[in-house]
Each structure stands twice: as C-alpha cells, then as structure tokens.
Amino acid sequence: MVRVSSFGQQQVLIRGIMDNQQKVFEGQRQISTGKKHEDYQGLAGQTNTVLGSRSFKSRIESYQQTIDTIKGKLDANDVQVGGIIDAVESLKEAVQITLANGQAEGFSELLDQTFQFISNGLNTNFDGTYLFAGADTGSVPVNVTQLPDLAALGSVADAFDNSSEAFKAKIADGVDLKFGITADEIGTDVFTEILALYNIDQGASGPIQGELTSTQFGLLQTQLGSLDNAIDGLRQVQVKNGLASERLGVVEAQHADTVVFLEVFIADIEDVDIAEAVTKLNNDQIALEASYRAIGSLSQLSLLNFI
C-alpha cells in the first residue's frame, strides 16, 4: 500500500507560502523605497564604503556652499572696483577737457563728488560685512567721506582702518583661496591723486575755475599722468579679483563632477534596479498565487480520493 501524508505536504506548502510572501514583501519594499536594503546591515562589507562616500560627498557640498558665498563677494568686488575705475576715468576725462578748453567749470564740485562716490564704494556693506575691510569685517574701512577731512589727516594712509589681512577660505581639501581686496589696496593711489588735485584747487594756485593760468595748466597736465597710473593700478586689482574668480570656477566644476560621481557610485551600491525589481516581484506574486492554489487543492483531498 502507498500511504498519503497530507500533513507533511501542508507543512511544505505553508513554508513555501511564507517564503513567497517574504519575497513579495521585500520586492514591494524595494520598489517603494528604491533601495536594495532597508538598513546598512544589509550592505554587509560595503557599509564602510558607502559611509565614507557619503561623508566625502557631504564635505564637498559644504565646500560648494562656501564657494557660492565667495562668488557673491567676488562679483560684488568686481562691481565696486569697476565703478571706481569709471569714476576715476571720468575725473581724468574732465581734466583733459579742462586742459583742452583752457578753462574749468565746476571742478571743485566734481572732485567732491568723485571722492564721496569712491569712499562710499569702499565702505560697501555686503551681506552684513564690509566688503573691503579685510579680515576685520565689522569695521568701516574708510573713516573719511569728505575731501576736507582727508586733507586734514597726516597722510592718506590714515584714512583707512581696514585689516591688513584679506579674506581666506578653504574651498577644497588642502586648498585655501585668498580672495578679498582691502580698501587701502584700492584707494591709496586714487585718494592721493584726488587729494593732489584738491590741494591745487584750494592752494595758492587755485581755485581751478574759469580760465586756467599757465601754472594751473602745468599742474593739471602733471596730474593727468598720475591719474593714468592710478587707473592702471585699479585695473590690476580688478584682474586679481578676476583670477580668483576663475580659480574658483575651476574648483567649483571639479566639485560638481565629484558629486555626480559619488551619487552614481553610492546609487550603484544602495539603489535597486526598478525594472528588474518589478519583473522579480511579478514572478514572486505568481509563485505566491500558485502556492495558495496548491494548498487550497490539498485541503480538498481525502483518503476517499485514493480508495
């Protein structure tokens, strides 16, 4: 005789159902989360690799935030220095016109306006800090805003209260960028030239108003060359700022590439292939349904089927 063990078959089918239910549940979890495992324990030997990559990515993203802040300051530097160059060039052009015409109109007012514009530009406050104050960002870098006040100082250098240290920031592992421009670096030569014109206007040879005397003509002609030198100095400062911006752009591009690489690298370890997971889930669901049918069929069997 052949004995039929329905209990043994049921146990085997029940274990199969449980295994298939677990597979279906795991497939649904992978599709809903997009992750191969729900915790790092499931990654086994790759856990340290993923954690290290995430830490590196976080550090790179911190550098990117720093770079964004620096870019804003460099752009502000360029705007302000460009405006100061324009102001000094306008003053130079006014001197040229005065020499060409042999007479001056409103020269004193032009000097005052130019100086005020430049001193205000050097005292620009950007994002709560003084742009040209150097490391001492809370101090107003230029302590005079009127030409008579500048003339009353012992020297042009006394007009500046900025720190001698410019801004410096870490933009990558082992890479520091000095990017700040100090007020005295921009303003010393310019203030010197404006003060020289002011002293001519206010001195024994002044005022520079109406028809020029031969002495005034000679003095202004001399200052014209000095203004050219001051403008050249300002352009060098602007170029320095531009070079810092270019270097920043190179590092920023490297960081962007690194972040993309790390995201792909981490995803290859952590993320599930959705298409593959859906196919596997469909197969697991079919297997589960088959298990249900098998145990359902078994429950309908009795010894009478075999007598």
Protein backbone atom coordinates (compact mmCIF):
# COMPACT_ATOMS: atom_id res chain seq x y z
CA MET A 1 0.00 0.00 0.00
CA VAL A 2 1.07 3.63 -0.56
CA ARG A 3 0.43 5.95 2.38
CA VAL A 4 -0.60 9.55 1.73
CA SER A 5 0.74 12.20 4.18
CA SER A 6 -1.42 15.29 3.73
CA PHE A 7 0.07 16.88 6.88
CA GLY A 8 3.60 16.69 5.55
CA GLN A 9 2.56 18.20 2.25
CA GLN A 10 0.73 21.01 4.02
CA GLN A 11 3.81 21.89 6.05
CA VAL A 12 5.96 22.04 2.93
CA LEU A 13 3.41 24.22 1.12
CA ILE A 14 2.97 26.52 4.12
CA ARG A 15 6.73 27.10 4.30
CA GLY A 16 6.67 27.83 0.56
CA ILE A 17 3.83 30.32 1.03
CA MET A 18 5.74 32.09 3.81
CA ASP A 19 8.89 32.26 1.71
CA ASN A 20 6.96 33.62 -1.26
CA GLN A 21 5.14 36.16 0.95
CA GLN A 22 8.51 37.38 2.25
CA LYS A 23 9.85 37.70 -1.29
CA VAL A 24 6.76 39.66 -2.39
CA PHE A 25 7.01 41.95 0.65
CA GLU A 26 10.71 42.56 0.02
CA GLY A 27 10.04 43.31 -3.65
CA GLN A 28 7.31 45.80 -2.75
CA ARG A 29 9.63 47.48 -0.23
CA GLN A 30 12.44 47.79 -2.79
CA ILE A 31 10.13 49.33 -5.37
CA SER A 32 8.60 51.80 -2.89
CA THR A 33 11.93 52.89 -1.36
CA GLY A 34 14.22 52.39 -4.35
CA LYS A 35 16.79 50.81 -2.00
CA LYS A 36 18.15 47.27 -2.05
CA HIS A 37 18.16 47.08 1.75
CA GLU A 38 16.35 49.00 4.48
CA ASP A 39 19.47 49.50 6.62
CA TYR A 40 23.25 49.47 6.33
CA GLN A 41 23.40 46.00 7.86
CA GLY A 42 22.08 44.60 4.59
CA LEU A 43 25.08 46.07 2.73
CA ALA A 44 27.45 43.83 4.69
CA GLY A 45 31.07 44.51 3.61
CA GLN A 46 30.12 47.60 1.59
CA THR A 47 28.86 49.58 4.59
CA ASN A 48 32.16 51.38 5.24
CA THR A 49 32.48 52.22 1.55
CA VAL A 50 29.03 53.82 1.46
CA LEU A 51 29.52 55.71 4.74
CA GLY A 52 32.91 57.01 3.60
CA SER A 53 31.48 58.11 0.25
CA ARG A 54 28.57 59.89 1.93
CA SER A 55 30.95 61.68 4.31
CA PHE A 56 33.12 62.81 1.38
CA LYS A 57 30.03 63.98 -0.55
CA SER A 58 28.85 65.97 2.48
CA ARG A 59 32.26 67.66 2.73
CA ILE A 60 32.22 68.53 -0.98
CA GLU A 61 28.73 70.02 -0.64
CA SER A 62 29.97 72.15 2.25
CA TYR A 63 32.77 73.45 0.02
CA GLN A 64 30.17 74.21 -2.67
CA GLN A 65 28.21 76.35 -0.20
CA THR A 66 31.41 78.23 0.69
CA ILE A 67 32.15 78.76 -3.00
CA ASP A 68 28.66 80.17 -3.58
CA THR A 69 29.28 82.72 -0.81
CA ILE A 70 32.70 83.66 -2.17
CA LYS A 71 31.32 84.05 -5.70
CA GLY A 72 28.88 86.63 -4.40
CA LYS A 73 31.70 88.59 -2.76
CA LEU A 74 33.90 88.40 -5.85
CA ASP A 75 31.05 89.62 -8.04
CA ALA A 76 30.43 92.49 -5.61
CA ASN A 77 34.17 93.29 -5.66
CA ASP A 78 34.12 93.48 -9.44
CA VAL A 79 31.09 95.76 -9.49
CA GLN A 80 32.53 98.18 -6.94
CA VAL A 81 36.04 98.27 -8.40
CA GLY A 82 34.57 98.71 -11.87
CA GLY A 83 32.51 101.65 -10.61
CA ILE A 84 35.57 103.25 -9.00
CA ILE A 85 37.54 102.85 -12.24
CA ASP A 86 34.71 104.56 -14.14
CA ALA A 87 34.68 107.41 -11.61
CA VAL A 88 38.44 108.00 -11.88
CA GLU A 89 38.30 107.79 -15.67
CA SER A 90 35.51 110.40 -15.66
CA LEU A 91 37.69 112.62 -13.50
CA LYS A 92 40.60 112.12 -15.89
CA GLU A 93 38.36 112.99 -18.83
CA ALA A 94 37.23 116.16 -17.03
CA VAL A 95 40.88 117.18 -16.55
CA GLN A 96 41.56 116.53 -20.23
CA ILE A 97 38.58 118.64 -21.27
CA THR A 98 39.67 121.39 -18.90
CA LEU A 99 43.16 121.40 -20.43
CA ALA A 100 41.78 121.28 -23.98
CA ASN A 101 39.43 124.23 -23.37
CA GLY A 102 41.86 126.16 -21.19
CA GLN A 103 39.17 126.75 -18.58
CA ALA A 104 37.27 124.92 -15.87
CA GLU A 105 33.68 124.85 -14.67
CA GLY A 106 32.51 123.09 -11.51
CA PHE A 107 35.89 121.45 -10.92
CA SER A 108 35.69 121.63 -7.11
CA GLU A 109 32.24 120.03 -7.08
CA LEU A 110 33.45 117.24 -9.38
CA LEU A 111 36.35 116.47 -7.02
CA ASP A 112 34.00 116.32 -4.02
CA GLN A 113 31.52 114.08 -5.82
CA THR A 114 34.24 111.72 -7.07
CA PHE A 115 35.77 111.36 -3.64
CA GLN A 116 32.42 110.74 -1.95
CA PHE A 117 31.48 108.13 -4.56
CA ILE A 118 34.76 106.26 -4.12
CA SER A 119 34.79 106.40 -0.30
CA ASN A 120 31.18 105.18 -0.19
CA GLY A 121 32.06 102.36 -2.58
CA LEU A 122 34.96 101.30 -0.36
CA ASN A 123 32.58 101.24 2.61
CA THR A 124 30.16 98.88 0.86
CA ASN A 125 28.40 96.54 3.27
CA PHE A 126 27.67 93.16 1.67
CA ASP A 127 25.62 90.52 3.46
CA GLY A 128 26.26 92.15 6.84
CA THR A 129 30.02 92.62 6.43
CA TYR A 130 32.16 95.39 5.00
CA LEU A 131 33.39 94.18 1.63
CA PHE A 132 36.79 95.87 1.70
CA ALA A 133 37.52 95.70 5.45
CA GLY A 134 39.70 92.61 5.12
CA ALA A 135 39.52 90.05 7.92
CA ASP A 136 38.08 92.65 10.29
CA THR A 137 34.70 92.62 8.54
CA GLY A 138 32.91 94.58 11.26
CA SER A 139 34.99 97.75 10.92
CA VAL A 140 34.23 100.58 8.50
CA PRO A 141 37.32 100.55 6.24
CA VAL A 142 37.36 104.25 5.26
CA ASN A 143 36.99 106.77 8.08
CA VAL A 144 36.51 109.93 5.96
CA THR A 145 33.88 110.77 3.35
CA GLN A 146 34.67 114.46 2.71
CA LEU A 147 37.74 115.87 0.97
CA PRO A 148 38.47 118.49 3.69
CA ASP A 149 38.59 115.62 6.22
CA LEU A 150 41.05 113.73 4.03
CA ALA A 151 43.21 116.84 3.68
CA ALA A 152 43.23 117.28 7.46
CA LEU A 153 44.79 113.87 8.04
CA GLY A 154 48.51 113.41 8.50
CA SER A 155 48.68 111.11 5.48
CA VAL A 156 46.38 109.31 3.07
CA ALA A 157 47.15 106.05 4.89
CA ASP A 158 45.35 107.41 7.97
CA ALA A 159 42.06 107.34 6.04
CA PHE A 160 41.98 103.52 6.09
CA ASP A 161 41.02 101.34 9.05
CA ASN A 162 40.80 98.03 7.22
CA SER A 163 42.66 94.93 8.37
CA SER A 164 45.92 94.11 6.64
CA GLU A 165 44.68 90.51 6.23
CA ALA A 166 42.33 89.80 3.34
CA PHE A 167 39.62 87.12 3.28
CA LYS A 168 40.72 83.50 3.09
CA ALA A 169 38.56 80.38 2.85
CA LYS A 170 39.03 76.64 2.35
CA ILE A 171 37.41 75.64 -0.95
CA ALA A 172 38.69 72.05 -1.19
CA ASP A 173 40.74 69.58 0.81
CA GLY A 174 44.12 71.25 1.23
CA VAL A 175 43.15 74.27 -0.90
CA ASP A 176 42.77 77.76 0.60
CA LEU A 177 41.76 80.77 -1.51
CA LYS A 178 42.68 84.35 -0.67
CA PHE A 179 40.05 86.40 -2.38
CA GLY A 180 39.47 89.65 -0.50
CA ILE A 181 40.53 93.14 -1.56
CA THR A 182 41.24 95.74 1.10
CA ALA A 183 40.18 99.37 0.92
CA ASP A 184 43.73 100.71 1.11
CA GLU A 185 44.77 98.43 -1.76
CA ILE A 186 42.13 100.08 -3.94
CA GLY A 187 42.04 103.60 -2.57
CA THR A 188 45.54 104.71 -1.60
CA ASP A 189 46.74 105.84 -5.04
CA VAL A 190 43.32 107.18 -6.02
CA PHE A 191 42.94 109.22 -2.83
CA THR A 192 46.49 110.53 -3.29
CA GLU A 193 45.68 111.82 -6.78
CA ILE A 194 42.35 113.34 -5.76
CA LEU A 195 43.99 114.99 -2.77
CA ALA A 196 46.71 116.44 -5.03
CA LEU A 197 44.03 117.98 -7.29
CA TYR A 198 42.18 119.26 -4.24
CA ASN A 199 45.35 120.93 -2.90
CA ILE A 200 45.89 122.62 -6.27
CA ASP A 201 42.30 123.86 -6.24
CA GLN A 202 42.46 125.04 -2.62
CA GLY A 203 46.07 126.22 -2.62
CA ALA A 204 47.87 129.32 -3.78
CA SER A 205 47.38 128.36 -7.43
CA GLY A 206 43.63 127.91 -7.04
CA PRO A 207 40.81 127.89 -7.39
CA ILE A 208 40.50 125.94 -10.63
CA GLN A 209 37.61 127.89 -12.02
CA GLY A 210 37.26 129.88 -15.22
CA GLU A 211 40.23 130.46 -17.47
CA LEU A 212 43.32 128.47 -16.50
CA THR A 213 46.57 130.15 -15.59
CA SER A 214 49.80 128.78 -17.01
CA THR A 215 50.67 127.43 -13.56
CA GLN A 216 47.31 125.62 -13.27
CA PHE A 217 47.71 124.26 -16.78
CA GLY A 218 51.14 122.80 -15.93
CA LEU A 219 49.97 121.30 -12.62
CA LEU A 220 46.90 119.68 -14.16
CA GLN A 221 48.97 118.29 -17.00
CA THR A 222 51.31 116.66 -14.48
CA GLN A 223 48.37 115.15 -12.56
CA LEU A 224 46.94 113.72 -15.77
CA GLY A 225 49.83 111.25 -16.00
CA SER A 226 49.43 110.36 -12.31
CA LEU A 227 45.73 109.64 -12.84
CA ASP A 228 46.70 107.21 -15.62
CA ASN A 229 48.96 105.36 -13.18
CA ALA A 230 46.17 105.21 -10.58
CA ILE A 231 43.75 103.77 -13.16
CA ASP A 232 46.33 101.15 -14.18
CA GLY A 233 46.66 100.16 -10.53
CA LEU A 234 42.89 99.79 -10.22
CA ARG A 235 42.78 97.60 -13.31
CA GLN A 236 45.44 95.33 -11.81
CA VAL A 237 43.28 94.96 -8.70
CA GLN A 238 40.32 94.10 -10.92
CA VAL A 239 42.39 91.49 -12.79
CA LYS A 240 43.49 89.96 -9.48
CA ASN A 241 39.87 89.65 -8.47
CA GLY A 242 39.03 88.07 -11.84
CA LEU A 243 41.82 85.50 -11.49
CA ALA A 244 40.44 84.48 -8.09
CA SER A 245 37.03 84.10 -9.69
CA GLU A 246 38.45 81.92 -12.48
CA ARG A 247 40.24 79.68 -10.00
CA LEU A 248 37.04 79.40 -8.02
CA GLY A 249 35.17 78.36 -11.16
CA VAL A 250 37.67 75.57 -11.87
CA VAL A 251 37.35 74.15 -8.35
CA GLU A 252 33.56 74.53 -8.47
CA ALA A 253 33.41 72.47 -11.69
CA GLN A 254 35.61 69.79 -10.12
CA HIS A 255 33.30 69.61 -7.10
CA ALA A 256 30.24 69.29 -9.32
CA ASP A 257 31.83 66.38 -11.22
CA THR A 258 32.84 64.72 -7.94
CA VAL A 259 29.32 64.98 -6.51
CA VAL A 260 27.84 63.40 -9.66
CA PHE A 261 30.40 60.58 -9.49
CA LEU A 262 29.70 59.92 -5.80
CA GLU A 263 25.94 59.94 -6.33
CA VAL A 264 26.27 57.34 -9.09
CA PHE A 265 28.78 55.32 -7.05
CA ILE A 266 26.54 55.24 -3.96
CA ALA A 267 23.44 54.52 -6.04
CA ASP A 268 25.14 51.50 -7.63
CA ILE A 269 25.60 50.04 -4.15
CA GLU A 270 22.36 51.14 -2.46
CA ASP A 271 19.73 51.57 -5.15
CA VAL A 272 17.70 48.81 -6.71
CA ASP A 273 17.16 48.37 -10.46
CA ILE A 274 13.46 49.22 -10.59
CA ALA A 275 12.78 47.39 -13.85
CA GLU A 276 14.49 44.27 -12.55
CA ALA A 277 12.68 44.56 -9.20
CA VAL A 278 9.26 44.87 -10.89
CA THR A 279 9.93 41.78 -13.01
CA LYS A 280 11.06 39.81 -9.96
CA LEU A 281 8.01 40.99 -7.97
CA ASN A 282 5.67 39.84 -10.71
CA ASN A 283 7.32 36.40 -10.72
CA ASP A 284 7.17 36.20 -6.92
CA GLN A 285 3.48 37.13 -6.95
CA ILE A 286 2.79 34.38 -9.49
CA ALA A 287 4.69 31.90 -7.31
CA LEU A 288 2.69 33.02 -4.26
CA GLU A 289 -0.60 32.60 -6.07
CA ALA A 290 0.49 29.12 -7.15
CA SER A 291 1.30 28.27 -3.54
CA TYR A 292 -2.14 29.41 -2.45
CA ARG A 293 -3.76 27.25 -5.15
CA ALA A 294 -1.65 24.23 -4.23
CA ILE A 295 -2.54 24.33 -0.55
CA GLY A 296 -6.17 25.01 -1.47
CA SER A 297 -6.20 21.93 -3.64
CA LEU A 298 -4.56 19.88 -0.89
CA SER A 299 -7.27 20.87 1.57
CA GLN A 300 -9.87 19.31 -0.73
CA LEU A 301 -8.13 15.93 -0.76
CA SER A 302 -9.09 12.95 1.43
CA LEU A 303 -8.33 9.21 1.53
CA LEU A 304 -11.53 8.63 -0.37
CA ASN A 305 -9.78 10.00 -3.49
CA PHE A 306 -7.35 7.10 -3.28
CA ILE A 307 -9.72 4.22 -2.32
